[in-house]
Amino acid sequence: MEYQWIDEYLKSMKGVTSDYKKERNWVRYFIGGKMFAAVCMTEKGVTDFVTLKLEPAEGEFLRRRYEDIIPGHYLNKLYWNSVKANGNIPKNLLSDLLEKSYYLVLSKISKKQKEELFC
């Protein structure tokens, strides 16, 4: 899985910011100061997995259906899910899940923050 398309896709979403967390070697993506996705890298800088937030029932369903979707690394495993980069998850499914994660987190931020982001 190529990191570049994921980075470009996530940054194309309105109001998204990102940072690099050296301790875990991952790039984190935020909306309104709240993380909604992270791309975790190996020591050699290769994408290892993509972590995203989903409603618990959907995450559980997907983990049962796809062996390459696992409970989220370093995060609350009820809400966070990790997609193995070298797995068999279709690109269109991953982009759909990233978008769902974005809107899930966006729905939790205040109206005032949304106005600041989108005005």
PDB file of N, CA and C in Angstrom:
ATOM      1  N   MET A   1       0.851  -1.176   0.000  1.00  0.00           N
ATOM      2  CA  MET A   1       0.000   0.000   0.000  1.00  0.00           C
ATOM      3  C   MET A   1       0.892   1.233   0.000  1.00  0.00           C
ATOM      4  N   GLU A   2       0.608   2.130  -0.873  1.00  0.00           N
ATOM      5  CA  GLU A   2       1.416   3.335  -0.977  1.00  0.00           C
ATOM      6  C   GLU A   2       0.912   4.407  -0.022  1.00  0.00           C
ATOM      7  N   TYR A   3       1.834   4.960   0.746  1.00  0.00           N
ATOM      8  CA  TYR A   3       1.486   5.997   1.708  1.00  0.00           C
ATOM      9  C   TYR A   3       1.067   7.293   1.016  1.00  0.00           C
ATOM     10  N   GLN A   4       1.679   7.603  -0.096  1.00  0.00           N
ATOM     11  CA  GLN A   4       1.450   8.902  -0.735  1.00  0.00           C
ATOM     12  C   GLN A   4      -0.021   9.131  -1.068  1.00  0.00           C
ATOM     13  N   TRP A   5      -0.703   8.154  -1.634  1.00  0.00           N
ATOM     14  CA  TRP A   5      -2.111   8.374  -1.977  1.00  0.00           C
ATOM     15  C   TRP A   5      -2.953   8.570  -0.721  1.00  0.00           C
ATOM     16  N   ILE A   6      -2.599   7.865   0.354  1.00  0.00           N
ATOM     17  CA  ILE A   6      -3.351   8.008   1.604  1.00  0.00           C
ATOM     18  C   ILE A   6      -3.157   9.415   2.154  1.00  0.00           C
ATOM     19  N   ASP A   7      -1.921   9.869   2.196  1.00  0.00           N
ATOM     20  CA  ASP A   7      -1.620  11.211   2.692  1.00  0.00           C
ATOM     21  C   ASP A   7      -2.359  12.270   1.872  1.00  0.00           C
ATOM     22  N   GLU A   8      -2.299  12.165   0.567  1.00  0.00           N
ATOM     23  CA  GLU A   8      -2.977  13.134  -0.300  1.00  0.00           C
ATOM     24  C   GLU A   8      -4.492  13.081  -0.101  1.00  0.00           C
ATOM     25  N   TYR A   9      -5.031  11.874   0.018  1.00  0.00           N
ATOM     26  CA  TYR A   9      -6.471  11.716   0.206  1.00  0.00           C
ATOM     27  C   TYR A   9      -6.920  12.356   1.517  1.00  0.00           C
ATOM     28  N   LEU A  10      -6.211  12.061   2.599  1.00  0.00           N
ATOM     29  CA  LEU A  10      -6.591  12.604   3.904  1.00  0.00           C
ATOM     30  C   LEU A  10      -6.438  14.119   3.956  1.00  0.00           C
ATOM     31  N   LYS A  11      -5.367  14.632   3.398  1.00  0.00           N
ATOM     32  CA  LYS A  11      -5.151  16.080   3.419  1.00  0.00           C
ATOM     33  C   LYS A  11      -6.094  16.835   2.496  1.00  0.00           C
ATOM     34  N   SER A  12      -6.752  16.134   1.581  1.00  0.00           N
ATOM     35  CA  SER A  12      -7.714  16.792   0.706  1.00  0.00           C
ATOM     36  C   SER A  12      -9.044  17.044   1.416  1.00  0.00           C
ATOM     37  N   MET A  13      -9.238  16.419   2.561  1.00  0.00           N
ATOM     38  CA  MET A  13     -10.470  16.608   3.324  1.00  0.00           C
ATOM     39  C   MET A  13     -10.415  17.952   4.042  1.00  0.00           C
ATOM     40  N   LYS A  14     -11.521  18.636   4.041  1.00  0.00           N
ATOM     41  CA  LYS A  14     -11.622  19.984   4.610  1.00  0.00           C
ATOM     42  C   LYS A  14     -11.214  20.005   6.080  1.00  0.00           C
ATOM     43  N   GLY A  15     -10.295  20.923   6.422  1.00  0.00           N
ATOM     44  CA  GLY A  15      -9.917  21.153   7.813  1.00  0.00           C
ATOM     45  C   GLY A  15      -8.926  20.185   8.411  1.00  0.00           C
ATOM     46  N   VAL A  16      -8.374  19.287   7.620  1.00  0.00           N
ATOM     47  CA  VAL A  16      -7.458  18.270   8.158  1.00  0.00           C
ATOM     48  C   VAL A  16      -6.065  18.844   8.380  1.00  0.00           C
ATOM     49  N   THR A  17      -5.497  18.508   9.532  1.00  0.00           N
ATOM     50  CA  THR A  17      -4.101  18.810   9.830  1.00  0.00           C
ATOM     51  C   THR A  17      -3.404  17.498  10.156  1.00  0.00           C
ATOM     52  N   SER A  18      -2.088  17.528  10.161  1.00  0.00           N
ATOM     53  CA  SER A  18      -1.354  16.292  10.470  1.00  0.00           C
ATOM     54  C   SER A  18      -0.080  16.633  11.222  1.00  0.00           C
ATOM     55  N   ASP A  19       0.463  15.629  11.875  1.00  0.00           N
ATOM     56  CA  ASP A  19       1.776  15.749  12.501  1.00  0.00           C
ATOM     57  C   ASP A  19       2.459  14.387  12.481  1.00  0.00           C
ATOM     58  N   TYR A  20       3.722  14.392  12.839  1.00  0.00           N
ATOM     59  CA  TYR A  20       4.501  13.157  12.886  1.00  0.00           C
ATOM     60  C   TYR A  20       4.863  12.872  14.339  1.00  0.00           C
ATOM     61  N   LYS A  21       4.549  11.695  14.803  1.00  0.00           N
ATOM     62  CA  LYS A  21       4.857  11.292  16.168  1.00  0.00           C
ATOM     63  C   LYS A  21       6.034  10.317  16.112  1.00  0.00           C
ATOM     64  N   LYS A  22       7.204  10.835  16.411  1.00  0.00           N
ATOM     65  CA  LYS A  22       8.446  10.076  16.280  1.00  0.00           C
ATOM     66  C   LYS A  22       8.464   8.813  17.148  1.00  0.00           C
ATOM     67  N   GLU A  23       7.939   8.919  18.377  1.00  0.00           N
ATOM     68  CA  GLU A  23       7.993   7.793  19.310  1.00  0.00           C
ATOM     69  C   GLU A  23       7.330   6.543  18.745  1.00  0.00           C
ATOM     70  N   ARG A  24       6.317   6.726  17.943  1.00  0.00           N
ATOM     71  CA  ARG A  24       5.598   5.579  17.373  1.00  0.00           C
ATOM     72  C   ARG A  24       5.797   5.457  15.864  1.00  0.00           C
ATOM     73  N   ASN A  25       6.538   6.392  15.301  1.00  0.00           N
ATOM     74  CA  ASN A  25       6.830   6.402  13.868  1.00  0.00           C
ATOM     75  C   ASN A  25       5.536   6.379  13.042  1.00  0.00           C
ATOM     76  N   TRP A  26       4.669   7.324  13.362  1.00  0.00           N
ATOM     77  CA  TRP A  26       3.435   7.412  12.589  1.00  0.00           C
ATOM     78  C   TRP A  26       3.049   8.859  12.329  1.00  0.00           C
ATOM     79  N   VAL A  27       2.315   9.039  11.240  1.00  0.00           N
ATOM     80  CA  VAL A  27       1.766  10.335  10.876  1.00  0.00           C
ATOM     81  C   VAL A  27       0.306  10.311  11.316  1.00  0.00           C
ATOM     82  N   ARG A  28      -0.068  11.314  12.125  1.00  0.00           N
ATOM     83  CA  ARG A  28      -1.432  11.377  12.647  1.00  0.00           C
ATOM     84  C   ARG A  28      -2.209  12.463  11.911  1.00  0.00           C
ATOM     85  N   TYR A  29      -3.499  12.224  11.707  1.00  0.00           N
ATOM     86  CA  TYR A  29      -4.373  13.154  10.992  1.00  0.00           C
ATOM     87  C   TYR A  29      -5.502  13.567  11.929  1.00  0.00           C
ATOM     88  N   PHE A  30      -5.788  14.876  11.936  1.00  0.00           N
ATOM     89  CA  PHE A  30      -6.741  15.460  12.866  1.00  0.00           C
ATOM     90  C   PHE A  30      -7.792  16.290  12.141  1.00  0.00           C
ATOM     91  N   ILE A  31      -8.961  16.359  12.755  1.00  0.00           N
ATOM     92  CA  ILE A  31      -9.987  17.322  12.370  1.00  0.00           C
ATOM     93  C   ILE A  31     -10.439  17.976  13.676  1.00  0.00           C
ATOM     94  N   GLY A  32     -10.363  19.289  13.728  1.00  0.00           N
ATOM     95  CA  GLY A  32     -10.736  20.004  14.942  1.00  0.00           C
ATOM     96  C   GLY A  32      -9.906  19.610  16.153  1.00  0.00           C
ATOM     97  N   GLY A  33      -8.647  19.245  15.924  1.00  0.00           N
ATOM     98  CA  GLY A  33      -7.761  18.858  17.018  1.00  0.00           C
ATOM     99  C   GLY A  33      -7.936  17.439  17.511  1.00  0.00           C
ATOM    100  N   LYS A  34      -8.826  16.676  16.886  1.00  0.00           N
ATOM    101  CA  LYS A  34      -9.070  15.289  17.298  1.00  0.00           C
ATOM    102  C   LYS A  34      -8.583  14.343  16.199  1.00  0.00           C
ATOM    103  N   MET A  35      -7.835  13.335  16.607  1.00  0.00           N
ATOM    104  CA  MET A  35      -7.280  12.392  15.641  1.00  0.00           C
ATOM    105  C   MET A  35      -8.379  11.497  15.070  1.00  0.00           C
ATOM    106  N   PHE A  36      -8.314  11.288  13.751  1.00  0.00           N
ATOM    107  CA  PHE A  36      -9.245  10.361  13.115  1.00  0.00           C
ATOM    108  C   PHE A  36      -8.525   9.272  12.315  1.00  0.00           C
ATOM    109  N   ALA A  37      -7.220   9.426  12.106  1.00  0.00           N
ATOM    110  CA  ALA A  37      -6.464   8.404  11.372  1.00  0.00           C
ATOM    111  C   ALA A  37      -4.982   8.550  11.685  1.00  0.00           C
ATOM    112  N   ALA A  38      -4.262   7.459  11.476  1.00  0.00           N
ATOM    113  CA  ALA A  38      -2.805   7.464  11.626  1.00  0.00           C
ATOM    114  C   ALA A  38      -2.222   6.455  10.652  1.00  0.00           C
ATOM    115  N   VAL A  39      -1.121   6.829  10.045  1.00  0.00           N
ATOM    116  CA  VAL A  39      -0.391   5.914   9.169  1.00  0.00           C
ATOM    117  C   VAL A  39       0.888   5.540   9.905  1.00  0.00           C
ATOM    118  N   CYS A  40       1.006   4.274  10.228  1.00  0.00           N
ATOM    119  CA  CYS A  40       2.144   3.770  10.997  1.00  0.00           C
ATOM    120  C   CYS A  40       3.177   3.189  10.048  1.00  0.00           C
ATOM    121  N   MET A  41       4.432   3.552  10.275  1.00  0.00           N
ATOM    122  CA  MET A  41       5.524   3.154   9.395  1.00  0.00           C
ATOM    123  C   MET A  41       6.463   2.171  10.087  1.00  0.00           C
ATOM    124  N   THR A  42       7.158   1.384   9.281  1.00  0.00           N
ATOM    125  CA  THR A  42       8.223   0.545   9.799  1.00  0.00           C
ATOM    126  C   THR A  42       9.443   1.425  10.043  1.00  0.00           C
ATOM    127  N   GLU A  43      10.493   0.862  10.618  1.00  0.00           N
ATOM    128  CA  GLU A  43      11.728   1.616  10.838  1.00  0.00           C
ATOM    129  C   GLU A  43      12.352   2.072   9.532  1.00  0.00           C
ATOM    130  N   LYS A  44      12.042   1.389   8.436  1.00  0.00           N
ATOM    131  CA  LYS A  44      12.585   1.747   7.125  1.00  0.00           C
ATOM    132  C   LYS A  44      11.694   2.739   6.375  1.00  0.00           C
ATOM    133  N   GLY A  45      10.609   3.216   7.030  1.00  0.00           N
ATOM    134  CA  GLY A  45       9.739   4.207   6.415  1.00  0.00           C
ATOM    135  C   GLY A  45       8.691   3.644   5.477  1.00  0.00           C
ATOM    136  N   VAL A  46       8.460   2.342   5.539  1.00  0.00           N
ATOM    137  CA  VAL A  46       7.453   1.698   4.708  1.00  0.00           C
ATOM    138  C   VAL A  46       6.140   1.653   5.498  1.00  0.00           C
ATOM    139  N   THR A  47       5.021   1.912   4.825  1.00  0.00           N
ATOM    140  CA  THR A  47       3.730   1.864   5.502  1.00  0.00           C
ATOM    141  C   THR A  47       3.496   0.471   6.065  1.00  0.00           C
ATOM    142  N   ASP A  48       3.205   0.396   7.362  1.00  0.00           N
ATOM    143  CA  ASP A  48       2.968  -0.876   8.041  1.00  0.00           C
ATOM    144  C   ASP A  48       1.471  -1.119   8.189  1.00  0.00           C
ATOM    145  N   PHE A  49       0.760  -0.135   8.708  1.00  0.00           N
ATOM    146  CA  PHE A  49      -0.691  -0.217   8.795  1.00  0.00           C
ATOM    147  C   PHE A  49      -1.295   1.169   8.908  1.00  0.00           C
ATOM    148  N   VAL A  50      -2.597   1.242   8.626  1.00  0.00           N
ATOM    149  CA  VAL A  50      -3.356   2.484   8.711  1.00  0.00           C
ATOM    150  C   VAL A  50      -4.392   2.281   9.812  1.00  0.00           C
ATOM    151  N   THR A  51      -4.416   3.184  10.769  1.00  0.00           N
ATOM    152  CA  THR A  51      -5.349   3.078  11.882  1.00  0.00           C
ATOM    153  C   THR A  51      -6.423   4.143  11.741  1.00  0.00           C
ATOM    154  N   LEU A  52      -7.673   3.748  11.975  1.00  0.00           N
ATOM    155  CA  LEU A  52      -8.794   4.665  11.826  1.00  0.00           C
ATOM    156  C   LEU A  52      -9.888   4.335  12.828  1.00  0.00           C
ATOM    157  N   LYS A  53     -10.766   5.294  13.042  1.00  0.00           N
ATOM    158  CA  LYS A  53     -11.825   5.163  14.040  1.00  0.00           C
ATOM    159  C   LYS A  53     -13.143   4.812  13.350  1.00  0.00           C
ATOM    160  N   LEU A  54     -13.863   3.848  13.941  1.00  0.00           N
ATOM    161  CA  LEU A  54     -15.166   3.445  13.420  1.00  0.00           C
ATOM    162  C   LEU A  54     -16.127   3.218  14.580  1.00  0.00           C
ATOM    163  N   GLU A  55     -17.404   3.197  14.270  1.00  0.00           N
ATOM    164  CA  GLU A  55     -18.378   2.798  15.277  1.00  0.00           C
ATOM    165  C   GLU A  55     -18.050   1.360  15.680  1.00  0.00           C
ATOM    166  N   PRO A  56     -18.191   1.008  16.953  1.00  0.00           N
ATOM    167  CA  PRO A  56     -17.796  -0.321  17.424  1.00  0.00           C
ATOM    168  C   PRO A  56     -18.394  -1.483  16.633  1.00  0.00           C
ATOM    169  N   ALA A  57     -19.678  -1.438  16.318  1.00  0.00           N
ATOM    170  CA  ALA A  57     -20.309  -2.547  15.599  1.00  0.00           C
ATOM    171  C   ALA A  57     -19.711  -2.726  14.203  1.00  0.00           C
ATOM    172  N   GLU A  58     -19.442  -1.616  13.523  1.00  0.00           N
ATOM    173  CA  GLU A  58     -18.862  -1.715  12.183  1.00  0.00           C
ATOM    174  C   GLU A  58     -17.437  -2.247  12.245  1.00  0.00           C
ATOM    175  N   GLY A  59     -16.662  -1.757  13.217  1.00  0.00           N
ATOM    176  CA  GLY A  59     -15.298  -2.255  13.369  1.00  0.00           C
ATOM    177  C   GLY A  59     -15.274  -3.747  13.644  1.00  0.00           C
ATOM    178  N   GLU A  60     -16.145  -4.203  14.516  1.00  0.00           N
ATOM    179  CA  GLU A  60     -16.217  -5.632  14.837  1.00  0.00           C
ATOM    180  C   GLU A  60     -16.602  -6.446  13.607  1.00  0.00           C
ATOM    181  N   PHE A  61     -17.592  -5.976  12.859  1.00  0.00           N
ATOM    182  CA  PHE A  61     -18.021  -6.650  11.637  1.00  0.00           C
ATOM    183  C   PHE A  61     -16.857  -6.776  10.650  1.00  0.00           C
ATOM    184  N   LEU A  62     -16.145  -5.686  10.442  1.00  0.00           N
ATOM    185  CA  LEU A  62     -15.044  -5.690   9.480  1.00  0.00           C
ATOM    186  C   LEU A  62     -13.897  -6.586   9.937  1.00  0.00           C
ATOM    187  N   ARG A  63     -13.598  -6.605  11.226  1.00  0.00           N
ATOM    188  CA  ARG A  63     -12.530  -7.476  11.734  1.00  0.00           C
ATOM    189  C   ARG A  63     -12.884  -8.943  11.551  1.00  0.00           C
ATOM    190  N   ARG A  64     -14.165  -9.268  11.646  1.00  0.00           N
ATOM    191  CA  ARG A  64     -14.594 -10.658  11.405  1.00  0.00           C
ATOM    192  C   ARG A  64     -14.515 -11.016   9.924  1.00  0.00           C
ATOM    193  N   ARG A  65     -14.815 -10.055   9.093  1.00  0.00           N
ATOM    194  CA  ARG A  65     -14.876 -10.315   7.647  1.00  0.00           C
ATOM    195  C   ARG A  65     -13.500 -10.305   6.974  1.00  0.00           C
ATOM    196  N   TYR A  66     -12.596  -9.434   7.444  1.00  0.00           N
ATOM    197  CA  TYR A  66     -11.282  -9.283   6.817  1.00  0.00           C
ATOM    198  C   TYR A  66     -10.183  -9.565   7.831  1.00  0.00           C
ATOM    199  N   GLU A  67      -9.358 -10.534   7.554  1.00  0.00           N
ATOM    200  CA  GLU A  67      -8.268 -10.856   8.482  1.00  0.00           C
ATOM    201  C   GLU A  67      -7.210  -9.760   8.535  1.00  0.00           C
ATOM    202  N   ASP A  68      -7.198  -8.879   7.549  1.00  0.00           N
ATOM    203  CA  ASP A  68      -6.215  -7.794   7.519  1.00  0.00           C
ATOM    204  C   ASP A  68      -6.713  -6.508   8.187  1.00  0.00           C
ATOM    205  N   ILE A  69      -7.862  -6.584   8.838  1.00  0.00           N
ATOM    206  CA  ILE A  69      -8.332  -5.494   9.686  1.00  0.00           C
ATOM    207  C   ILE A  69      -8.324  -6.021  11.110  1.00  0.00           C
ATOM    208  N   ILE A  70      -7.550  -5.365  11.950  1.00  0.00           N
ATOM    209  CA  ILE A  70      -7.339  -5.833  13.318  1.00  0.00           C
ATOM    210  C   ILE A  70      -7.642  -4.704  14.307  1.00  0.00           C
ATOM    211  N   PRO A  71      -7.772  -5.035  15.592  1.00  0.00           N
ATOM    212  CA  PRO A  71      -7.962  -3.955  16.580  1.00  0.00           C
ATOM    213  C   PRO A  71      -6.820  -2.947  16.501  1.00  0.00           C
ATOM    214  N   GLY A  72      -7.126  -1.687  16.722  1.00  0.00           N
ATOM    215  CA  GLY A  72      -6.170  -0.598  16.564  1.00  0.00           C
ATOM    216  C   GLY A  72      -4.971  -0.678  17.488  1.00  0.00           C
ATOM    217  N   HIS A  73      -3.791  -0.472  16.931  1.00  0.00           N
ATOM    218  CA  HIS A  73      -2.551  -0.439  17.708  1.00  0.00           C
ATOM    219  C   HIS A  73      -2.499   0.817  18.561  1.00  0.00           C
ATOM    220  N   TYR A  74      -2.090   0.679  19.797  1.00  0.00           N
ATOM    221  CA  TYR A  74      -1.850   1.782  20.735  1.00  0.00           C
ATOM    222  C   TYR A  74      -3.118   2.511  21.186  1.00  0.00           C
ATOM    223  N   LEU A  75      -4.267   2.159  20.679  1.00  0.00           N
ATOM    224  CA  LEU A  75      -5.484   2.935  20.931  1.00  0.00           C
ATOM    225  C   LEU A  75      -6.600   2.046  21.461  1.00  0.00           C
ATOM    226  N   ASN A  76      -7.703   2.661  21.873  1.00  0.00           N
ATOM    227  CA  ASN A  76      -8.860   1.941  22.378  1.00  0.00           C
ATOM    228  C   ASN A  76      -9.380   1.000  21.289  1.00  0.00           C
ATOM    229  N   LYS A  77      -9.269  -0.282  21.534  1.00  0.00           N
ATOM    230  CA  LYS A  77      -9.595  -1.281  20.519  1.00  0.00           C
ATOM    231  C   LYS A  77     -11.087  -1.422  20.247  1.00  0.00           C
ATOM    232  N   LEU A  78     -11.913  -0.767  21.040  1.00  0.00           N
ATOM    233  CA  LEU A  78     -13.343  -0.772  20.782  1.00  0.00           C
ATOM    234  C   LEU A  78     -13.664   0.104  19.569  1.00  0.00           C
ATOM    235  N   TYR A  79     -12.993   1.249  19.464  1.00  0.00           N
ATOM    236  CA  TYR A  79     -13.279   2.213  18.400  1.00  0.00           C
ATOM    237  C   TYR A  79     -12.247   2.232  17.279  1.00  0.00           C
ATOM    238  N   TRP A  80     -11.018   1.863  17.574  1.00  0.00           N
ATOM    239  CA  TRP A  80      -9.937   2.012  16.609  1.00  0.00           C
ATOM    240  C   TRP A  80      -9.610   0.684  15.949  1.00  0.00           C
ATOM    241  N   ASN A  81      -9.349   0.741  14.649  1.00  0.00           N
ATOM    242  CA  ASN A  81      -9.055  -0.430  13.837  1.00  0.00           C
ATOM    243  C   ASN A  81      -7.834  -0.143  12.985  1.00  0.00           C
ATOM    244  N   SER A  82      -7.006  -1.158  12.809  1.00  0.00           N
ATOM    245  CA  SER A  82      -5.816  -1.013  11.974  1.00  0.00           C
ATOM    246  C   SER A  82      -5.946  -1.908  10.749  1.00  0.00           C
ATOM    247  N   VAL A  83      -5.614  -1.346   9.600  1.00  0.00           N
ATOM    248  CA  VAL A  83      -5.640  -2.070   8.337  1.00  0.00           C
ATOM    249  C   VAL A  83      -4.194  -2.369   7.963  1.00  0.00           C
ATOM    250  N   LYS A  84      -3.870  -3.637   7.793  1.00  0.00           N
ATOM    251  CA  LYS A  84      -2.512  -4.023   7.422  1.00  0.00           C
ATOM    252  C   LYS A  84      -2.213  -3.525   6.010  1.00  0.00           C
ATOM    253  N   ALA A  85      -1.108  -2.834   5.884  1.00  0.00           N
ATOM    254  CA  ALA A  85      -0.755  -2.214   4.599  1.00  0.00           C
ATOM    255  C   ALA A  85      -0.476  -3.248   3.508  1.00  0.00           C
ATOM    256  N   ASN A  86       0.070  -4.373   3.888  1.00  0.00           N
ATOM    257  CA  ASN A  86       0.394  -5.398   2.881  1.00  0.00           C
ATOM    258  C   ASN A  86      -0.713  -6.439   2.771  1.00  0.00           C
ATOM    259  N   GLY A  87      -1.890  -6.113   3.305  1.00  0.00           N
ATOM    260  CA  GLY A  87      -3.010  -7.043   3.286  1.00  0.00           C
ATOM    261  C   GLY A  87      -3.830  -6.955   2.013  1.00  0.00           C
ATOM    262  N   ASN A  88      -4.968  -7.618   2.053  1.00  0.00           N
ATOM    263  CA  ASN A  88      -5.847  -7.709   0.883  1.00  0.00           C
ATOM    264  C   ASN A  88      -7.107  -6.867   1.039  1.00  0.00           C
ATOM    265  N   ILE A  89      -6.942  -5.649   1.479  1.00  0.00           N
ATOM    266  CA  ILE A  89      -8.073  -4.739   1.614  1.00  0.00           C
ATOM    267  C   ILE A  89      -8.123  -3.860   0.364  1.00  0.00           C
ATOM    268  N   PRO A  90      -9.247  -3.877  -0.342  1.00  0.00           N
ATOM    269  CA  PRO A  90      -9.345  -3.050  -1.553  1.00  0.00           C
ATOM    270  C   PRO A  90      -9.164  -1.563  -1.231  1.00  0.00           C
ATOM    271  N   LYS A  91      -8.517  -0.868  -2.145  1.00  0.00           N
ATOM    272  CA  LYS A  91      -8.255   0.563  -1.972  1.00  0.00           C
ATOM    273  C   LYS A  91      -9.552   1.344  -1.768  1.00  0.00           C
ATOM    274  N   ASN A  92     -10.597   0.989  -2.507  1.00  0.00           N
ATOM    275  CA  ASN A  92     -11.858   1.722  -2.367  1.00  0.00           C
ATOM    276  C   ASN A  92     -12.489   1.484  -0.991  1.00  0.00           C
ATOM    277  N   LEU A  93     -12.303   0.312  -0.400  1.00  0.00           N
ATOM    278  CA  LEU A  93     -12.800   0.068   0.947  1.00  0.00           C
ATOM    279  C   LEU A  93     -12.020   0.912   1.952  1.00  0.00           C
ATOM    280  N   LEU A  94     -10.709   0.941   1.816  1.00  0.00           N
ATOM    281  CA  LEU A  94      -9.898   1.738   2.731  1.00  0.00           C
ATOM    282  C   LEU A  94     -10.257   3.218   2.633  1.00  0.00           C
ATOM    283  N   SER A  95     -10.414   3.742   1.440  1.00  0.00           N
ATOM    284  CA  SER A  95     -10.765   5.159   1.314  1.00  0.00           C
ATOM    285  C   SER A  95     -12.144   5.422   1.911  1.00  0.00           C
ATOM    286  N   ASP A  96     -13.071   4.491   1.767  1.00  0.00           N
ATOM    287  CA  ASP A  96     -14.396   4.629   2.380  1.00  0.00           C
ATOM    288  C   ASP A  96     -14.288   4.636   3.907  1.00  0.00           C
ATOM    289  N   LEU A  97     -13.466   3.764   4.466  1.00  0.00           N
ATOM    290  CA  LEU A  97     -13.292   3.709   5.914  1.00  0.00           C
ATOM    291  C   LEU A  97     -12.623   4.967   6.452  1.00  0.00           C
ATOM    292  N   LEU A  98     -11.658   5.488   5.722  1.00  0.00           N
ATOM    293  CA  LEU A  98     -11.010   6.736   6.138  1.00  0.00           C
ATOM    294  C   LEU A  98     -12.012   7.888   6.149  1.00  0.00           C
ATOM    295  N   GLU A  99     -12.871   7.924   5.157  1.00  0.00           N
ATOM    296  CA  GLU A  99     -13.893   8.966   5.097  1.00  0.00           C
ATOM    297  C   GLU A  99     -14.885   8.815   6.260  1.00  0.00           C
ATOM    298  N   LYS A 100     -15.283   7.588   6.559  1.00  0.00           N
ATOM    299  CA  LYS A 100     -16.186   7.351   7.691  1.00  0.00           C
ATOM    300  C   LYS A 100     -15.547   7.806   8.996  1.00  0.00           C
ATOM    301  N   SER A 101     -14.266   7.525   9.146  1.00  0.00           N
ATOM    302  CA  SER A 101     -13.553   7.932  10.348  1.00  0.00           C
ATOM    303  C   SER A 101     -13.553   9.452  10.477  1.00  0.00           C
ATOM    304  N   TYR A 102     -13.274  10.130   9.383  1.00  0.00           N
ATOM    305  CA  TYR A 102     -13.281  11.600   9.348  1.00  0.00           C
ATOM    306  C   TYR A 102     -14.634  12.141   9.810  1.00  0.00           C
ATOM    307  N   TYR A 103     -15.716  11.631   9.222  1.00  0.00           N
ATOM    308  CA  TYR A 103     -17.042  12.150   9.560  1.00  0.00           C
ATOM    309  C   TYR A 103     -17.478  11.747  10.970  1.00  0.00           C
ATOM    310  N   LEU A 104     -17.051  10.603  11.439  1.00  0.00           N
ATOM    311  CA  LEU A 104     -17.358  10.197  12.813  1.00  0.00           C
ATOM    312  C   LEU A 104     -16.751  11.175  13.810  1.00  0.00           C
ATOM    313  N   VAL A 105     -15.491  11.500  13.617  1.00  0.00           N
ATOM    314  CA  VAL A 105     -14.821  12.435  14.522  1.00  0.00           C
ATOM    315  C   VAL A 105     -15.365  13.845  14.330  1.00  0.00           C
ATOM    316  N   LEU A 106     -15.609  14.234  13.096  1.00  0.00           N
ATOM    317  CA  LEU A 106     -16.184  15.548  12.819  1.00  0.00           C
ATOM    318  C   LEU A 106     -17.523  15.725  13.541  1.00  0.00           C
ATOM    319  N   SER A 107     -18.309  14.671  13.604  1.00  0.00           N
ATOM    320  CA  SER A 107     -19.623  14.761  14.258  1.00  0.00           C
ATOM    321  C   SER A 107     -19.506  15.013  15.759  1.00  0.00           C
ATOM    322  N   LYS A 108     -18.340  14.777  16.335  1.00  0.00           N
ATOM    323  CA  LYS A 108     -18.145  14.918  17.782  1.00  0.00           C
ATOM    324  C   LYS A 108     -17.585  16.286  18.184  1.00  0.00           C
ATOM    325  N   ILE A 109     -17.185  17.098  17.212  1.00  0.00           N
ATOM    326  CA  ILE A 109     -16.639  18.402  17.588  1.00  0.00           C
ATOM    327  C   ILE A 109     -17.755  19.437  17.666  1.00  0.00           C
ATOM    328  N   SER A 110     -17.501  20.499  18.376  1.00  0.00           N
ATOM    329  CA  SER A 110     -18.533  21.500  18.633  1.00  0.00           C
ATOM    330  C   SER A 110     -18.923  22.260  17.361  1.00  0.00           C
ATOM    331  N   LYS A 111     -20.112  22.830  17.424  1.00  0.00           N
ATOM    332  CA  LYS A 111     -20.609  23.634  16.305  1.00  0.00           C
ATOM    333  C   LYS A 111     -19.672  24.815  16.047  1.00  0.00           C
ATOM    334  N   LYS A 112     -19.179  25.411  17.111  1.00  0.00           N
ATOM    335  CA  LYS A 112     -18.267  26.552  16.975  1.00  0.00           C
ATOM    336  C   LYS A 112     -16.986  26.132  16.245  1.00  0.00           C
ATOM    337  N   GLN A 113     -16.427  24.977  16.621  1.00  0.00           N
ATOM    338  CA  GLN A 113     -15.220  24.494  15.941  1.00  0.00           C
ATOM    339  C   GLN A 113     -15.502  24.224  14.468  1.00  0.00           C
ATOM    340  N   LYS A 114     -16.656  23.645  14.167  1.00  0.00           N
ATOM    341  CA  LYS A 114     -17.014  23.373  12.778  1.00  0.00           C
ATOM    342  C   LYS A 114     -17.099  24.674  11.981  1.00  0.00           C
ATOM    343  N   GLU A 115     -17.701  25.691  12.581  1.00  0.00           N
ATOM    344  CA  GLU A 115     -17.809  26.984  11.905  1.00  0.00           C
ATOM    345  C   GLU A 115     -16.419  27.561  11.632  1.00  0.00           C
ATOM    346  N   GLU A 116     -15.503  27.426  12.587  1.00  0.00           N
ATOM    347  CA  GLU A 116     -14.138  27.921  12.406  1.00  0.00           C
ATOM    348  C   GLU A 116     -13.416  27.154  11.297  1.00  0.00           C
ATOM    349  N   LEU A 117     -13.668  25.849  11.221  1.00  0.00           N
ATOM    350  CA  LEU A 117     -13.014  25.020  10.212  1.00  0.00           C
ATOM    351  C   LEU A 117     -13.511  25.289   8.797  1.00  0.00           C
ATOM    352  N   PHE A 118     -14.805  25.536   8.682  1.00  0.00           N
ATOM    353  CA  PHE A 118     -15.422  25.582   7.357  1.00  0.00           C
ATOM    354  C   PHE A 118     -15.811  26.963   6.870  1.00  0.00           C
ATOM    355  N   CYS A 119     -15.488  27.991   7.608  1.00  0.00           N
ATOM    356  CA  CYS A 119     -15.813  29.368   7.162  1.00  0.00           C
ATOM    357  C   CYS A 119     -14.583  30.085   6.672  1.00  0.00           C
TER     358      CYS A 119
END
